[in-house]
Amino acid sequence: GIRGEVAVFPLSENEERFEPGSRLFLS
């Protein structure tokens, strides 16, 4: 899209890691 969204391939089965409000670090 055009609003800064990205498609992510999950490496974790824990879907809670991607819940709104979660803080992640990009490398």
PDB file of all heavy atoms in Angstrom:
ATOM      1  N   GLY A   1       0.807  -1.211   0.000  1.00  0.00           N
ATOM      2  CA  GLY A   1       0.000   0.000   0.000  1.00  0.00           C
ATOM      3  C   GLY A   1       0.839   1.259   0.000  1.00  0.00           C
ATOM      4  O   GLY A   1       2.043   1.237  -0.249  1.00  0.00           O
ATOM      5  N   ILE A   2       0.184   2.380   0.308  1.00  0.00           N
ATOM      6  CA  ILE A   2       0.865   3.676   0.266  1.00  0.00           C
ATOM      7  C   ILE A   2       0.900   4.364   1.622  1.00  0.00           C
ATOM      8  O   ILE A   2       1.295   5.513   1.740  1.00  0.00           O
ATOM      9  CB  ILE A   2       0.199   4.610  -0.763  1.00  0.00           C
ATOM     10  CG1 ILE A   2      -1.280   4.831  -0.413  1.00  0.00           C
ATOM     11  CG2 ILE A   2       0.339   4.038  -2.170  1.00  0.00           C
ATOM     12  CD1 ILE A   2      -1.968   5.875  -1.267  1.00  0.00           C
ATOM     13  N   ARG A   3       0.511   3.674   2.673  1.00  0.00           N
ATOM     14  CA  ARG A   3       0.445   4.287   4.002  1.00  0.00           C
ATOM     15  C   ARG A   3       1.493   3.734   4.974  1.00  0.00           C
ATOM     16  O   ARG A   3       1.305   3.771   6.179  1.00  0.00           O
ATOM     17  CB  ARG A   3      -0.953   4.095   4.583  1.00  0.00           C
ATOM     18  CG  ARG A   3      -2.018   4.831   3.792  1.00  0.00           C
ATOM     19  CD  ARG A   3      -3.366   4.746   4.472  1.00  0.00           C
ATOM     20  NE  ARG A   3      -4.333   5.563   3.764  1.00  0.00           N
ATOM     21  CZ  ARG A   3      -5.167   5.106   2.850  1.00  0.00           C
ATOM     22  NH1 ARG A   3      -5.164   3.826   2.540  1.00  0.00           N
ATOM     23  NH2 ARG A   3      -6.013   5.908   2.256  1.00  0.00           N
ATOM     24  N   GLY A   4       2.574   3.198   4.435  1.00  0.00           N
ATOM     25  CA  GLY A   4       3.638   2.697   5.296  1.00  0.00           C
ATOM     26  C   GLY A   4       3.431   1.289   5.804  1.00  0.00           C
ATOM     27  O   GLY A   4       4.148   0.845   6.691  1.00  0.00           O
ATOM     28  N   GLU A   5       2.482   0.568   5.256  1.00  0.00           N
ATOM     29  CA  GLU A   5       2.254  -0.803   5.679  1.00  0.00           C
ATOM     30  C   GLU A   5       3.300  -1.720   5.052  1.00  0.00           C
ATOM     31  O   GLU A   5       3.857  -1.427   3.993  1.00  0.00           O
ATOM     32  CB  GLU A   5       0.867  -1.278   5.256  1.00  0.00           C
ATOM     33  CG  GLU A   5      -0.256  -0.545   5.943  1.00  0.00           C
ATOM     34  CD  GLU A   5      -1.615  -1.015   5.461  1.00  0.00           C
ATOM     35  OE1 GLU A   5      -1.757  -1.350   4.258  1.00  0.00           O
ATOM     36  OE2 GLU A   5      -2.529  -1.061   6.286  1.00  0.00           O
ATOM     37  N   VAL A   6       3.562  -2.839   5.715  1.00  0.00           N
ATOM     38  CA  VAL A   6       4.486  -3.838   5.193  1.00  0.00           C
ATOM     39  C   VAL A   6       3.883  -5.221   5.369  1.00  0.00           C
ATOM     40  O   VAL A   6       3.064  -5.452   6.252  1.00  0.00           O
ATOM     41  CB  VAL A   6       5.858  -3.784   5.911  1.00  0.00           C
ATOM     42  CG1 VAL A   6       6.583  -2.499   5.603  1.00  0.00           C
ATOM     43  CG2 VAL A   6       5.718  -3.981   7.405  1.00  0.00           C
ATOM     44  N   ALA A   7       4.284  -6.141   4.508  1.00  0.00           N
ATOM     45  CA  ALA A   7       3.909  -7.549   4.653  1.00  0.00           C
ATOM     46  C   ALA A   7       5.028  -8.223   5.436  1.00  0.00           C
ATOM     47  O   ALA A   7       6.207  -8.035   5.138  1.00  0.00           O
ATOM     48  CB  ALA A   7       3.747  -8.206   3.284  1.00  0.00           C
ATOM     49  N   VAL A   8       4.651  -9.003   6.446  1.00  0.00           N
ATOM     50  CA  VAL A   8       5.624  -9.647   7.322  1.00  0.00           C
ATOM     51  C   VAL A   8       5.438 -11.162   7.269  1.00  0.00           C
ATOM     52  O   VAL A   8       4.321 -11.659   7.397  1.00  0.00           O
ATOM     53  CB  VAL A   8       5.465  -9.154   8.782  1.00  0.00           C
ATOM     54  CG1 VAL A   8       6.402  -9.899   9.718  1.00  0.00           C
ATOM     55  CG2 VAL A   8       5.688  -7.653   8.869  1.00  0.00           C
ATOM     56  N   PHE A   9       6.548 -11.871   7.091  1.00  0.00           N
ATOM     57  CA  PHE A   9       6.545 -13.327   7.189  1.00  0.00           C
ATOM     58  C   PHE A   9       6.848 -13.656   8.645  1.00  0.00           C
ATOM     59  O   PHE A   9       7.955 -13.387   9.127  1.00  0.00           O
ATOM     60  CB  PHE A   9       7.604 -13.940   6.264  1.00  0.00           C
ATOM     61  CG  PHE A   9       7.682 -15.432   6.368  1.00  0.00           C
ATOM     62  CD1 PHE A   9       6.758 -16.226   5.726  1.00  0.00           C
ATOM     63  CD2 PHE A   9       8.677 -16.037   7.111  1.00  0.00           C
ATOM     64  CE1 PHE A   9       6.815 -17.609   5.821  1.00  0.00           C
ATOM     65  CE2 PHE A   9       8.749 -17.412   7.217  1.00  0.00           C
ATOM     66  CZ  PHE A   9       7.813 -18.199   6.568  1.00  0.00           C
ATOM     67  N   PRO A  10       5.885 -14.204   9.381  1.00  0.00           N
ATOM     68  CA  PRO A  10       6.126 -14.464  10.809  1.00  0.00           C
ATOM     69  C   PRO A  10       7.087 -15.630  11.020  1.00  0.00           C
ATOM     70  O   PRO A  10       7.008 -16.653  10.345  1.00  0.00           O
ATOM     71  CB  PRO A  10       4.737 -14.795  11.348  1.00  0.00           C
ATOM     72  CG  PRO A  10       3.975 -15.281  10.171  1.00  0.00           C
ATOM     73  CD  PRO A  10       4.542 -14.581   8.971  1.00  0.00           C
ATOM     74  N   LEU A  11       7.991 -15.461  11.965  1.00  0.00           N
ATOM     75  CA  LEU A  11       8.911 -16.520  12.360  1.00  0.00           C
ATOM     76  C   LEU A  11       8.519 -17.075  13.725  1.00  0.00           C
ATOM     77  O   LEU A  11       9.203 -17.922  14.271  1.00  0.00           O
ATOM     78  CB  LEU A  11      10.350 -15.981  12.416  1.00  0.00           C
ATOM     79  CG  LEU A  11      10.900 -15.428  11.103  1.00  0.00           C
ATOM     80  CD1 LEU A  11      12.269 -14.808  11.333  1.00  0.00           C
ATOM     81  CD2 LEU A  11      10.963 -16.510  10.047  1.00  0.00           C
ATOM     82  N   SER A  12       7.426 -16.560  14.263  1.00  0.00           N
ATOM     83  CA  SER A  12       6.938 -16.952  15.575  1.00  0.00           C
ATOM     84  C   SER A  12       5.495 -17.413  15.439  1.00  0.00           C
ATOM     85  O   SER A  12       4.724 -16.842  14.666  1.00  0.00           O
ATOM     86  CB  SER A  12       7.010 -15.758  16.531  1.00  0.00           C
ATOM     87  OG  SER A  12       6.352 -16.043  17.737  1.00  0.00           O
ATOM     88  N   GLU A  13       5.119 -18.437  16.190  1.00  0.00           N
ATOM     89  CA  GLU A  13       3.734 -18.892  16.185  1.00  0.00           C
ATOM     90  C   GLU A  13       2.876 -18.065  17.131  1.00  0.00           C
ATOM     91  O   GLU A  13       1.655 -18.169  17.118  1.00  0.00           O
ATOM     92  CB  GLU A  13       3.666 -20.365  16.566  1.00  0.00           C
ATOM     93  CG  GLU A  13       4.286 -21.272  15.528  1.00  0.00           C
ATOM     94  CD  GLU A  13       4.201 -22.727  15.921  1.00  0.00           C
ATOM     95  OE1 GLU A  13       3.530 -23.060  16.916  1.00  0.00           O
ATOM     96  OE2 GLU A  13       4.801 -23.552  15.208  1.00  0.00           O
ATOM     97  N   ASN A  14       3.497 -17.231  17.937  1.00  0.00           N
ATOM     98  CA  ASN A  14       2.803 -16.398  18.907  1.00  0.00           C
ATOM     99  C   ASN A  14       2.297 -15.134  18.204  1.00  0.00           C
ATOM    100  O   ASN A  14       3.038 -14.170  18.034  1.00  0.00           O
ATOM    101  CB  ASN A  14       3.752 -16.038  20.056  1.00  0.00           C
ATOM    102  CG  ASN A  14       3.072 -15.301  21.159  1.00  0.00           C
ATOM    103  OD1 ASN A  14       1.924 -14.869  21.026  1.00  0.00           O
ATOM    104  ND2 ASN A  14       3.768 -15.117  22.247  1.00  0.00           N
ATOM    105  N   GLU A  15       1.020 -15.125  17.815  1.00  0.00           N
ATOM    106  CA  GLU A  15       0.453 -13.999  17.076  1.00  0.00           C
ATOM    107  C   GLU A  15       0.345 -12.736  17.915  1.00  0.00           C
ATOM    108  O   GLU A  15       0.233 -11.634  17.381  1.00  0.00           O
ATOM    109  CB  GLU A  15      -0.916 -14.382  16.522  1.00  0.00           C
ATOM    110  CG  GLU A  15      -0.850 -15.478  15.476  1.00  0.00           C
ATOM    111  CD  GLU A  15      -2.218 -15.872  14.964  1.00  0.00           C
ATOM    112  OE1 GLU A  15      -3.217 -15.207  15.315  1.00  0.00           O
ATOM    113  OE2 GLU A  15      -2.284 -16.855  14.214  1.00  0.00           O
ATOM    114  N   GLU A  16       0.398 -12.853  19.238  1.00  0.00           N
ATOM    115  CA  GLU A  16       0.308 -11.690  20.118  1.00  0.00           C
ATOM    116  C   GLU A  16       1.480 -10.738  19.922  1.00  0.00           C
ATOM    117  O   GLU A  16       1.387  -9.566  20.252  1.00  0.00           O
ATOM    118  CB  GLU A  16       0.240 -12.139  21.576  1.00  0.00           C
ATOM    119  CG  GLU A  16      -1.031 -12.894  21.899  1.00  0.00           C
ATOM    120  CD  GLU A  16      -1.003 -13.473  23.301  1.00  0.00           C
ATOM    121  OE1 GLU A  16       0.000 -13.295  24.021  1.00  0.00           O
ATOM    122  OE2 GLU A  16      -2.002 -14.109  23.672  1.00  0.00           O
ATOM    123  N   ARG A  17       2.573 -11.218  19.384  1.00  0.00           N
ATOM    124  CA  ARG A  17       3.741 -10.361  19.155  1.00  0.00           C
ATOM    125  C   ARG A  17       3.433  -9.252  18.157  1.00  0.00           C
ATOM    126  O   ARG A  17       4.104  -8.232  18.141  1.00  0.00           O
ATOM    127  CB  ARG A  17       4.920 -11.184  18.654  1.00  0.00           C
ATOM    128  CG  ARG A  17       5.394 -12.220  19.635  1.00  0.00           C
ATOM    129  CD  ARG A  17       6.641 -12.903  19.098  1.00  0.00           C
ATOM    130  NE  ARG A  17       6.976 -14.101  19.819  1.00  0.00           N
ATOM    131  CZ  ARG A  17       7.703 -14.146  20.918  1.00  0.00           C
ATOM    132  NH1 ARG A  17       8.142 -13.037  21.441  1.00  0.00           N
ATOM    133  NH2 ARG A  17       7.972 -15.301  21.498  1.00  0.00           N
ATOM    134  N   PHE A  18       2.424  -9.443  17.312  1.00  0.00           N
ATOM    135  CA  PHE A  18       2.090  -8.474  16.268  1.00  0.00           C
ATOM    136  C   PHE A  18       0.817  -7.689  16.580  1.00  0.00           C
ATOM    137  O   PHE A  18       0.269  -7.018  15.716  1.00  0.00           O
ATOM    138  CB  PHE A  18       1.953  -9.188  14.922  1.00  0.00           C
ATOM    139  CG  PHE A  18       3.192  -9.947  14.530  1.00  0.00           C
ATOM    140  CD1 PHE A  18       3.240 -11.321  14.617  1.00  0.00           C
ATOM    141  CD2 PHE A  18       4.324  -9.272  14.102  1.00  0.00           C
ATOM    142  CE1 PHE A  18       4.387 -12.032  14.273  1.00  0.00           C
ATOM    143  CE2 PHE A  18       5.476  -9.961  13.757  1.00  0.00           C
ATOM    144  CZ  PHE A  18       5.501 -11.349  13.843  1.00  0.00           C
ATOM    145  N   GLU A  19       0.324  -7.767  17.795  1.00  0.00           N
ATOM    146  CA  GLU A  19      -0.880  -7.034  18.187  1.00  0.00           C
ATOM    147  C   GLU A  19      -0.609  -5.530  18.186  1.00  0.00           C
ATOM    148  O   GLU A  19       0.505  -5.102  18.485  1.00  0.00           O
ATOM    149  CB  GLU A  19      -1.331  -7.458  19.582  1.00  0.00           C
ATOM    150  CG  GLU A  19      -1.891  -8.864  19.637  1.00  0.00           C
ATOM    151  CD  GLU A  19      -3.215  -8.991  18.928  1.00  0.00           C
ATOM    152  OE1 GLU A  19      -4.046  -8.077  19.034  1.00  0.00           O
ATOM    153  OE2 GLU A  19      -3.428 -10.016  18.260  1.00  0.00           O
ATOM    154  N   PRO A  20      -1.623  -4.703  17.870  1.00  0.00           N
ATOM    155  CA  PRO A  20      -1.446  -3.253  17.949  1.00  0.00           C
ATOM    156  C   PRO A  20      -0.948  -2.847  19.336  1.00  0.00           C
ATOM    157  O   PRO A  20      -1.407  -3.362  20.352  1.00  0.00           O
ATOM    158  CB  PRO A  20      -2.846  -2.710  17.675  1.00  0.00           C
ATOM    159  CG  PRO A  20      -3.476  -3.763  16.811  1.00  0.00           C
ATOM    160  CD  PRO A  20      -2.943  -5.068  17.351  1.00  0.00           C
ATOM    161  N   GLY A  21       0.031  -1.968  19.337  1.00  0.00           N
ATOM    162  CA  GLY A  21       0.645  -1.515  20.580  1.00  0.00           C
ATOM    163  C   GLY A  21       1.937  -2.234  20.898  1.00  0.00           C
ATOM    164  O   GLY A  21       2.712  -1.782  21.745  1.00  0.00           O
ATOM    165  N   SER A  22       2.206  -3.367  20.228  1.00  0.00           N
ATOM    166  CA  SER A  22       3.451  -4.098  20.458  1.00  0.00           C
ATOM    167  C   SER A  22       4.627  -3.270  19.966  1.00  0.00           C
ATOM    168  O   SER A  22       4.549  -2.611  18.939  1.00  0.00           O
ATOM    169  CB  SER A  22       3.449  -5.437  19.717  1.00  0.00           C
ATOM    170  OG  SER A  22       2.447  -6.274  20.195  1.00  0.00           O
ATOM    171  N   ARG A  23       5.722  -3.329  20.707  1.00  0.00           N
ATOM    172  CA  ARG A  23       6.927  -2.606  20.304  1.00  0.00           C
ATOM    173  C   ARG A  23       7.920  -3.618  19.761  1.00  0.00           C
ATOM    174  O   ARG A  23       8.257  -4.605  20.424  1.00  0.00           O
ATOM    175  CB  ARG A  23       7.522  -1.875  21.492  1.00  0.00           C
ATOM    176  CG  ARG A  23       8.639  -0.969  21.113  1.00  0.00           C
ATOM    177  CD  ARG A  23       8.918   0.013  22.214  1.00  0.00           C
ATOM    178  NE  ARG A  23       9.937   0.928  21.767  1.00  0.00           N
ATOM    179  CZ  ARG A  23      10.870   1.423  22.534  1.00  0.00           C
ATOM    180  NH1 ARG A  23      10.883   1.138  23.806  1.00  0.00           N
ATOM    181  NH2 ARG A  23      11.766   2.237  22.045  1.00  0.00           N
ATOM    182  N   LEU A  24       8.373  -3.390  18.531  1.00  0.00           N
ATOM    183  CA  LEU A  24       9.319  -4.271  17.860  1.00  0.00           C
ATOM    184  C   LEU A  24      10.548  -3.470  17.460  1.00  0.00           C
ATOM    185  O   LEU A  24      10.486  -2.244  17.336  1.00  0.00           O
ATOM    186  CB  LEU A  24       8.680  -4.909  16.625  1.00  0.00           C
ATOM    187  CG  LEU A  24       7.400  -5.708  16.859  1.00  0.00           C
ATOM    188  CD1 LEU A  24       6.794  -6.129  15.529  1.00  0.00           C
ATOM    189  CD2 LEU A  24       7.680  -6.925  17.719  1.00  0.00           C
ATOM    190  N   PHE A  25      11.633  -4.152  17.235  1.00  0.00           N
ATOM    191  CA  PHE A  25      12.875  -3.507  16.812  1.00  0.00           C
ATOM    192  C   PHE A  25      13.267  -4.043  15.444  1.00  0.00           C
ATOM    193  O   PHE A  25      13.331  -5.254  15.244  1.00  0.00           O
ATOM    194  CB  PHE A  25      13.987  -3.768  17.829  1.00  0.00           C
ATOM    195  CG  PHE A  25      13.699  -3.152  19.163  1.00  0.00           C
ATOM    196  CD1 PHE A  25      13.002  -3.834  20.121  1.00  0.00           C
ATOM    197  CD2 PHE A  25      14.107  -1.850  19.428  1.00  0.00           C
ATOM    198  CE1 PHE A  25      12.716  -3.262  21.351  1.00  0.00           C
ATOM    199  CE2 PHE A  25      13.828  -1.261  20.646  1.00  0.00           C
ATOM    200  CZ  PHE A  25      13.133  -1.966  21.609  1.00  0.00           C
ATOM    201  N   LEU A  26      13.517  -3.133  14.506  1.00  0.00           N
ATOM    202  CA  LEU A  26      13.890  -3.517  13.152  1.00  0.00           C
ATOM    203  C   LEU A  26      15.400  -3.474  13.001  1.00  0.00           C
ATOM    204  O   LEU A  26      16.055  -2.549  13.485  1.00  0.00           O
ATOM    205  CB  LEU A  26      13.265  -2.567  12.132  1.00  0.00           C
ATOM    206  CG  LEU A  26      11.748  -2.428  12.144  1.00  0.00           C
ATOM    207  CD1 LEU A  26      11.309  -1.459  11.066  1.00  0.00           C
ATOM    208  CD2 LEU A  26      11.084  -3.770  11.958  1.00  0.00           C
ATOM    209  N   SER A  27      15.930  -4.459  12.292  1.00  0.00           N
ATOM    210  CA  SER A  27      17.353  -4.528  11.988  1.00  0.00           C
ATOM    211  C   SER A  27      17.502  -4.555  10.475  1.00  0.00           C
ATOM    212  O   SER A  27      16.676  -5.134   9.771  1.00  0.00           O
ATOM    213  CB  SER A  27      17.964  -5.790  12.587  1.00  0.00           C
ATOM    214  OG  SER A  27      19.275  -5.969  12.121  1.00  0.00           O
TER     215      SER A  27
END
